[in-house]
Amino acid sequence: MLTRRIIFCFAALSAIFSSVKSANPDEVVSLPGLKEKPSFRQYSGYLNATGTKKLHYWFVESQNNPAKDPLLLWMNGGPGCSSLDGFLSELGPFHVNNDGKTLYVNEYSWNKVANIIFLEAPAGVGFSYSDDKNYTTSDDETSLNNYAALQSFFKKFPQFANNSFYITGESYGGIYVPTLAMRVMQGNSSINFKGFAVGNGLSSWELNDNSLVYFTYYHGVIGDDTWAALNEHCCKQGVCNFHNNTDQCVRSSWIKCITL
C-alpha cells in the first residue's frame, strides 16, 4: 500500500510541476486519477528551512471559508514517515484507490472545516531534501527547521497570518508537535497560535513501552500464559519494567509476546 502511494505521489507531483498555469507557481491545477476538479485550492512546493534544507509541503484550503477557518499544520511521525501518508490515507481530501492510479474523495477530510498544511520533515523524508546531502539531525534541529519552514509558509501565504493556527500530528508527532509549538510560542508573535493536538503520540519511550504491554494484554492481543511469563521475569513486587530490563525478561517473555 505504501509503495503504491509513493508511486502515485511521484506521478502526481510530476503532473503538478508540468501543468501549473496559475499566478501562484505552487498551485496544483490538476491531479492524475481525479475525475473532478475540487472546489478548493491546493498548493505543493518547497519551504525554506535552515541552511540548504528544503521541506516539501502540500497545502489544501478549507472547503468552507478559507479566509476565516483555522489553519492546521499536520505532521506524521516515524521518525521518517511522510506526511503524505496522512494526506492520502488519513485526513486529507483525497485517498488512493486500490488500483494505485485513481483517487476518491474523502468525505471525512479535515479540510471541510480547516486549511491544512501537510509538511514532510525532517529533510530526507519524502520529497524534502538538503543540497549538501547531509541528513543527520536531532529532535531539536528538526523543530528548528520546522519553525523556519513555517515562517517560509507565511511569506508565501501572508493572507493566512491572522487565521487561528494549530499544530497537529500523530505517533512521533508527540515529539515534533510540542517542540515546534514551544518555538512558535517563544518566537514569532505574529503567528496566531492557539494550540496543538497529538493523536497516538509518543512522548516517552519508557512510558510507551510499559503502557503498550498492558494495552496488548487488556485488549486480548496476548494471552494469560504470556502475561504470566512477563510478570515473572519483568516485574518485582508488583512493579513492572518492560522498557529496560534483564536479558531474561526480553528473551523469555517479550520475544514470545511479539511472535504470537
Protein backbone atom coordinates (compact mmCIF):
# COMPACT_ATOMS: atom_id res chain seq x y z
CA MET A 1 0.00 0.00 0.00
CA LEU A 2 2.77 2.46 0.96
CA THR A 3 4.73 1.70 -2.23
CA ARG A 4 1.60 2.34 -4.29
CA ARG A 5 1.13 5.70 -2.58
CA ILE A 6 4.76 6.67 -3.20
CA ILE A 7 4.49 5.78 -6.91
CA PHE A 8 1.30 7.78 -7.14
CA CYS A 9 2.93 10.74 -5.40
CA PHE A 10 5.77 10.80 -7.92
CA ALA A 11 3.26 10.74 -10.77
CA ALA A 12 1.13 13.40 -9.11
CA LEU A 13 3.98 15.77 -8.44
CA SER A 14 5.31 15.30 -11.95
CA ALA A 15 1.94 16.35 -13.27
CA ILE A 16 1.76 19.23 -10.82
CA PHE A 17 5.02 20.84 -11.85
CA SER A 18 4.42 20.30 -15.56
CA SER A 19 0.85 21.56 -15.73
CA VAL A 20 0.72 24.55 -13.42
CA LYS A 21 -0.91 27.54 -15.06
CA SER A 22 -1.56 29.81 -12.12
CA ALA A 23 -0.46 33.15 -10.72
CA ASN A 24 0.95 31.14 -7.81
CA PRO A 25 3.62 28.76 -9.16
CA ASP A 26 2.88 26.28 -6.36
CA GLU A 27 -0.82 25.96 -7.12
CA VAL A 28 -1.96 22.49 -8.18
CA VAL A 29 -4.42 22.83 -11.04
CA SER A 30 -4.85 19.14 -11.89
CA LEU A 31 -4.15 15.71 -10.46
CA PRO A 32 -3.91 12.42 -12.35
CA GLY A 33 -6.65 10.00 -11.39
CA LEU A 34 -9.01 12.65 -10.06
CA LYS A 35 -12.17 12.85 -12.15
CA GLU A 36 -13.48 16.20 -10.96
CA LYS A 37 -11.71 19.41 -10.17
CA PRO A 38 -12.02 20.12 -6.44
CA SER A 39 -13.93 23.13 -5.18
CA PHE A 40 -10.95 24.32 -3.10
CA ARG A 41 -7.46 25.48 -3.97
CA GLN A 42 -4.37 23.42 -3.23
CA TYR A 43 -0.65 24.03 -3.46
CA SER A 44 2.51 21.91 -3.45
CA GLY A 45 6.10 23.05 -3.35
CA TYR A 46 9.03 23.77 -1.04
CA LEU A 47 9.54 25.82 2.09
CA ASN A 48 12.94 27.12 3.12
CA ALA A 49 14.32 25.61 6.30
CA THR A 50 17.78 26.34 7.73
CA GLY A 51 20.91 26.20 5.61
CA THR A 52 20.46 24.19 2.44
CA LYS A 53 17.37 22.31 3.61
CA LYS A 54 14.09 22.49 1.68
CA LEU A 55 10.95 20.92 3.13
CA HIS A 56 8.17 19.79 0.83
CA TYR A 57 4.62 20.80 1.67
CA TRP A 58 1.13 20.18 0.31
CA PHE A 59 -1.39 22.79 1.35
CA VAL A 60 -5.14 22.49 0.90
CA GLU A 61 -7.52 25.33 1.59
CA SER A 62 -10.71 24.80 3.54
CA GLN A 63 -13.82 23.72 1.66
CA ASN A 64 -15.83 26.03 3.91
CA ASN A 65 -14.38 29.52 4.41
CA PRO A 66 -10.59 29.65 3.86
CA ALA A 67 -10.31 33.27 4.95
CA LYS A 68 -11.79 32.62 8.39
CA ASP A 69 -11.35 28.91 9.08
CA PRO A 70 -8.44 27.66 11.22
CA LEU A 71 -5.05 26.84 9.72
CA LEU A 72 -3.58 23.47 10.75
CA LEU A 73 -0.09 22.09 10.29
CA TRP A 74 -0.06 18.26 10.13
CA MET A 75 2.99 16.04 10.66
CA ASN A 76 3.18 12.26 10.59
CA GLY A 77 5.63 10.50 12.85
CA GLY A 78 8.28 7.87 12.45
CA PRO A 79 10.68 9.49 12.73
CA GLY A 80 10.86 9.29 8.97
CA CYS A 81 7.20 8.94 7.99
CA SER A 82 5.96 11.15 5.17
CA SER A 83 3.02 13.41 5.94
CA LEU A 84 1.69 12.48 2.51
CA ASP A 85 0.61 9.30 4.25
CA GLY A 86 -1.70 11.48 6.34
CA PHE A 87 -2.78 13.29 3.20
CA LEU A 88 -3.52 10.22 1.06
CA SER A 89 -4.79 7.72 3.63
CA GLU A 90 -5.96 9.58 6.73
CA LEU A 91 -7.24 13.14 7.00
CA GLY A 92 -6.59 14.54 3.52
CA PRO A 93 -9.26 15.36 0.91
CA PHE A 94 -8.23 12.54 -1.44
CA HIS A 95 -7.42 8.87 -0.90
CA VAL A 96 -5.82 6.42 -3.31
CA ASN A 97 -8.00 3.67 -4.77
CA ASN A 98 -6.83 0.05 -4.73
CA ASP A 99 -5.72 0.33 -8.35
CA GLY A 100 -2.97 2.70 -7.25
CA LYS A 101 -3.81 5.05 -10.14
CA THR A 102 -7.01 6.86 -9.25
CA LEU A 103 -8.28 8.93 -6.36
CA TYR A 104 -11.54 9.13 -4.49
CA VAL A 105 -12.85 11.96 -2.33
CA ASN A 106 -12.53 11.51 1.43
CA GLU A 107 -15.85 12.62 2.87
CA TYR A 108 -14.27 12.93 6.32
CA SER A 109 -11.42 15.20 5.28
CA TRP A 110 -10.35 17.76 7.85
CA ASN A 111 -10.25 20.42 5.17
CA LYS A 112 -14.03 20.52 5.21
CA VAL A 113 -13.60 22.91 8.14
CA ALA A 114 -9.92 23.91 8.12
CA ASN A 115 -6.97 24.89 5.96
CA ILE A 116 -4.26 22.21 6.28
CA ILE A 117 -0.51 22.19 5.65
CA PHE A 118 0.99 18.71 5.24
CA LEU A 119 4.73 19.03 5.91
CA GLU A 120 7.34 16.38 5.09
CA ALA A 121 10.02 16.61 7.76
CA PRO A 122 12.85 16.36 8.53
CA ALA A 123 14.86 16.81 5.33
CA GLY A 124 15.34 13.42 3.71
CA VAL A 125 11.74 12.37 4.31
CA GLY A 126 9.55 12.13 1.21
CA PHE A 127 10.37 14.90 -1.24
CA SER A 128 12.18 17.08 1.32
CA TYR A 129 15.91 17.39 0.73
CA SER A 130 19.15 19.18 1.54
CA ASP A 131 21.50 20.50 -1.12
CA ASP A 132 24.55 19.31 0.85
CA LYS A 133 23.01 15.81 1.20
CA ASN A 134 23.62 15.88 4.95
CA TYR A 135 20.58 14.29 6.57
CA THR A 136 21.84 13.79 10.10
CA THR A 137 19.56 15.57 12.54
CA SER A 138 18.14 15.66 16.05
CA ASP A 139 14.77 16.45 17.56
CA ASP A 140 15.96 19.95 18.40
CA GLU A 141 17.29 20.59 14.89
CA THR A 142 14.11 19.18 13.37
CA SER A 143 11.99 21.60 15.39
CA LEU A 144 14.24 24.48 14.30
CA ASN A 145 13.86 23.53 10.63
CA ASN A 146 10.10 23.06 11.00
CA TYR A 147 9.86 26.51 12.55
CA ALA A 148 11.89 28.04 9.71
CA ALA A 149 9.65 26.25 7.19
CA LEU A 150 6.57 27.59 8.96
CA GLN A 151 7.88 31.14 8.66
CA SER A 152 8.60 30.46 4.99
CA PHE A 153 4.99 29.33 4.56
CA PHE A 154 3.60 32.61 5.90
CA LYS A 155 5.85 34.51 3.48
CA LYS A 156 4.27 32.55 0.63
CA PHE A 157 0.75 32.85 2.06
CA PRO A 158 0.56 36.06 4.14
CA GLN A 159 -3.24 36.07 3.78
CA PHE A 160 -3.42 33.28 6.37
CA ALA A 161 -1.33 35.05 9.02
CA ASN A 162 -4.39 36.08 11.03
CA ASN A 163 -6.13 32.71 10.94
CA SER A 164 -6.17 30.71 14.16
CA PHE A 165 -3.19 28.37 13.88
CA TYR A 166 -2.86 24.85 15.32
CA ILE A 167 -0.02 22.31 15.17
CA THR A 168 -1.19 18.70 14.86
CA GLY A 169 0.32 15.28 14.31
CA GLU A 170 0.49 11.65 15.35
CA SER A 171 2.92 8.99 16.60
CA TYR A 172 6.40 10.60 16.75
CA GLY A 173 4.46 13.83 16.34
CA GLY A 174 4.39 13.50 20.12
CA ILE A 175 7.92 14.91 19.82
CA TYR A 176 7.58 17.02 16.67
CA VAL A 177 4.41 18.84 17.68
CA PRO A 178 5.21 20.17 21.19
CA THR A 179 8.83 21.04 20.33
CA LEU A 180 7.63 23.12 17.38
CA ALA A 181 4.85 24.63 19.49
CA MET A 182 7.46 25.77 22.02
CA ARG A 183 9.46 27.52 19.30
CA VAL A 184 6.33 29.24 17.98
CA MET A 185 5.39 30.46 21.45
CA GLN A 186 8.89 31.73 22.15
CA GLY A 187 9.42 33.18 18.69
CA ASN A 188 7.29 34.96 16.13
CA SER A 189 4.41 36.63 17.95
CA SER A 190 2.69 37.43 14.63
CA ILE A 191 1.60 33.77 14.30
CA ASN A 192 -1.90 33.49 15.72
CA PHE A 193 -1.07 30.29 17.60
CA LYS A 194 -3.99 28.75 19.50
CA GLY A 195 -2.81 25.27 20.49
CA PHE A 196 -1.72 21.81 19.42
CA ALA A 197 -3.13 18.28 19.24
CA VAL A 198 -1.43 14.89 19.08
CA GLY A 199 -3.06 11.55 18.29
CA ASN A 200 -1.45 8.26 19.38
CA GLY A 201 1.56 10.31 20.36
CA LEU A 202 4.98 9.16 21.51
CA SER A 203 6.37 11.38 24.24
CA SER A 204 8.50 8.89 26.20
CA TRP A 205 9.96 5.58 25.05
CA GLU A 206 9.74 4.25 28.60
CA LEU A 207 6.09 5.18 29.10
CA ASN A 208 5.28 3.95 25.62
CA ASP A 209 6.89 0.53 26.10
CA ASN A 210 5.38 -0.04 29.52
CA SER A 211 1.88 1.07 28.57
CA LEU A 212 1.94 -0.90 25.30
CA VAL A 213 2.35 -4.25 27.06
CA TYR A 214 -0.56 -3.53 29.40
CA PHE A 215 -2.61 -2.42 26.42
CA THR A 216 -1.94 -5.62 24.47
CA TYR A 217 -2.89 -7.82 27.43
CA TYR A 218 -6.05 -6.00 28.45
CA HIS A 219 -7.24 -5.94 24.83
CA GLY A 220 -6.69 -9.67 24.40
CA VAL A 221 -3.75 -9.46 21.99
CA ILE A 222 -1.62 -11.64 24.29
CA GLY A 223 -2.90 -14.45 26.49
CA ASP A 224 -2.60 -15.38 30.15
CA ASP A 225 0.45 -17.60 29.67
CA THR A 226 2.45 -14.82 28.06
CA TRP A 227 1.21 -12.34 30.65
CA ALA A 228 2.30 -14.67 33.46
CA ALA A 229 5.76 -15.01 31.89
CA LEU A 230 6.07 -11.25 31.57
CA ASN A 231 5.15 -10.79 35.22
CA GLU A 232 7.58 -13.50 36.33
CA HIS A 233 10.61 -12.12 34.50
CA CYS A 234 9.88 -8.39 34.19
CA CYS A 235 8.13 -7.48 37.45
CA LYS A 236 9.14 -7.25 41.09
CA GLN A 237 6.76 -6.67 43.99
CA GLY A 238 4.00 -5.64 41.60
CA VAL A 239 6.14 -3.09 39.71
CA CYS A 240 6.83 -3.98 36.06
CA ASN A 241 9.54 -2.69 33.74
CA PHE A 242 9.05 -3.75 30.13
CA HIS A 243 11.28 -0.99 28.77
CA ASN A 244 14.75 -1.62 30.15
CA ASN A 245 15.07 -4.91 31.98
CA THR A 246 17.17 -8.06 32.11
CA ASP A 247 18.01 -10.23 29.12
CA GLN A 248 15.88 -12.93 30.68
CA CYS A 249 12.88 -10.61 30.60
CA VAL A 250 13.46 -9.76 26.96
CA ARG A 251 14.32 -13.24 25.72
CA SER A 252 11.87 -15.37 27.62
CA SER A 253 8.89 -13.06 27.63
CA TRP A 254 8.93 -10.20 25.17
CA ILE A 255 10.16 -12.33 22.25
CA LYS A 256 7.40 -14.79 22.98
CA CYS A 257 4.94 -11.93 23.12
CA ILE A 258 5.79 -10.37 19.76
CA THR A 259 5.97 -13.70 17.91
CA LEU A 260 2.46 -14.83 18.81
